[in-house]
Protein backbone atom coordinates (compact mmCIF):
# COMPACT_ATOMS: atom_id res chain seq x y z
CA GLN A 1 81.09 155.63 102.59
CA ILE A 2 78.54 154.17 99.79
CA LEU A 3 81.03 155.69 97.20
CA GLU A 4 83.86 153.55 98.64
CA ARG A 5 81.93 150.63 99.35
CA ILE A 6 80.83 151.05 95.29
CA GLU A 7 84.48 151.49 94.46
CA GLU A 8 85.67 148.26 96.52
CA VAL A 9 82.95 146.45 94.78
CA ALA A 10 83.97 147.52 91.31
CA ARG A 11 87.73 146.75 92.31
CA TRP A 12 86.58 143.34 93.46
CA LYS A 13 84.78 142.60 90.20
CA GLY A 14 87.65 143.64 88.26
CA LYS A 15 90.10 141.34 90.33
CA THR A 16 87.36 138.74 89.77
CA LYS A 17 87.38 139.36 86.03
CA GLU A 18 90.91 139.53 86.00
CA ALA A 19 91.16 136.36 87.95
CA GLU A 20 88.68 134.76 85.73
CA ALA A 21 90.55 135.97 82.59
CA LYS A 22 93.87 134.31 84.10
CA ALA A 23 92.19 131.01 84.93
CA ALA A 24 90.73 130.67 81.39
CA ALA A 25 94.33 131.40 79.95
CA GLN A 26 95.64 128.98 82.20
CA ALA A 27 93.02 126.36 81.38
CA ALA A 28 93.84 127.39 77.61
CA ALA A 29 97.34 126.80 78.16
CA GLY A 30 96.86 123.41 80.19
CA ALA A 31 94.57 122.21 77.42
CA ALA A 32 97.18 123.30 74.68
CA LYS A 33 99.95 121.56 76.78
CA ASP A 34 97.61 118.42 77.08
CA ASP A 35 97.13 118.62 73.11
CA GLU A 36 101.01 118.67 72.79
CA ILE A 37 101.63 115.87 75.15
CA ALA A 38 98.89 113.74 73.38
CA LYS A 39 100.62 114.66 69.90
CA TRP A 40 103.86 113.63 71.31
CA LYS A 41 102.66 110.43 72.70
CA ARG A 42 100.84 109.55 69.44
CA ARG A 43 104.16 110.35 67.47
CA SER A 44 106.05 108.42 69.79
CA ARG A 45 103.82 105.43 69.55
CA GLU A 46 103.71 105.69 65.59
CA THR A 47 107.46 105.80 65.79
CA LYS A 48 107.77 102.82 67.97
CA ASP A 49 105.18 100.72 65.67
CA LYS A 50 107.38 101.78 62.67
CA TYR A 51 110.55 100.69 64.59
CA GLU A 52 109.05 97.17 65.38
CA LYS A 53 107.74 96.69 61.91
CA VAL A 54 111.26 97.34 60.40
CA LYS A 55 112.69 95.25 63.49
CA ASP A 56 110.43 92.26 62.27
CA GLU A 57 111.35 92.83 58.56
CA HIS A 58 114.93 92.58 59.58
CA LYS A 59 114.32 89.52 61.47
CA HIS A 60 112.62 87.75 58.53
CA ALA A 61 115.45 89.14 56.25
CA VAL A 62 118.04 87.56 58.40
CA VAL A 63 116.09 84.28 58.42
CA ALA A 64 115.54 84.32 54.65
CA LEU A 65 119.46 85.01 54.43
CA ALA A 66 120.40 82.11 56.67
CA ALA A 67 118.30 79.78 54.36
CA LEU A 68 119.63 81.16 51.30
CA GLU A 69 123.33 80.70 52.61
CA GLU A 70 122.40 77.20 53.45
CA GLU A 71 121.06 76.56 49.75
CA HIS A 72 124.23 78.30 48.33
CA ALA A 73 126.22 75.89 50.57
CA LYS A 74 124.29 72.95 49.16
CA VAL A 75 124.81 74.24 45.40
CA VAL A 76 128.54 74.77 45.82
CA ALA A 77 128.88 71.25 47.35
CA LEU A 78 126.95 70.08 44.27
CA LEU A 79 128.84 71.81 41.90
CA GLN A 80 132.20 70.47 43.38
CA GLN A 81 130.74 67.14 43.05
CA ALA A 82 129.76 67.67 39.45
CA GLU A 83 133.34 69.13 38.64
CA GLN A 84 134.86 66.10 40.31
CA ALA A 85 132.69 63.77 38.31
CA ARG A 86 133.41 65.56 35.20
CA ASP A 87 137.10 65.49 35.93
CA ALA A 88 137.15 61.56 36.52
CA ALA A 89 134.84 61.16 33.35
CA GLN A 90 137.38 63.15 31.54
CA GLU A 91 140.56 61.47 32.73
CA LYS A 92 138.73 58.01 32.04
CA LEU A 93 138.01 59.24 28.47
CA HIS A 94 141.70 60.25 28.02
CA ASP A 95 142.82 56.92 29.39
CA GLU A 96 140.09 54.89 27.00
CA GLY A 97 141.50 57.04 24.01
CA ALA A 98 145.21 56.35 24.72
CA ARG A 99 144.16 52.74 25.15
CA TRP A 100 142.08 52.89 22.03
CA GLU A 101 145.26 54.54 20.04
CA ARG A 102 147.43 51.49 21.42
CA ARG A 103 145.11 48.75 20.32
CA GLU A 104 144.80 50.46 16.72
CA GLU A 105 148.62 50.57 16.58
CA ASP A 106 148.54 46.97 17.68
CA LEU A 107 146.28 45.91 15.12
CA LYS A 108 148.30 48.00 12.47
CA GLU A 109 151.56 46.20 13.46
CA ARG A 110 149.78 42.72 13.21
CA HIS A 111 148.32 43.68 10.05
CA ALA A 112 151.78 44.61 8.64
CA LYS A 113 153.28 41.47 9.46
């Protein structure tokens, strides 16, 4: 009976050691899982931060582009005004040149008389 009791205690100790080892393995697996989850959360935050930064840069680029488009429209309008002024001045110059040539001809005719 004592031998049976010793064997029972030995089996109980073996089961206890086995249970402790299993619990330690589960704890290690749990810790590894927690580490993995923490790593994924960190990566997720980093990705979100990068996304927010790019989104902000995009917003600034859109605003800058709108400002450039507005300035471009102003420059185009000024260029059109300048071209119209040039064309008007060129036409006036042509008219003055034609008038001057007629005066020259009139003067030559008067001199010839």
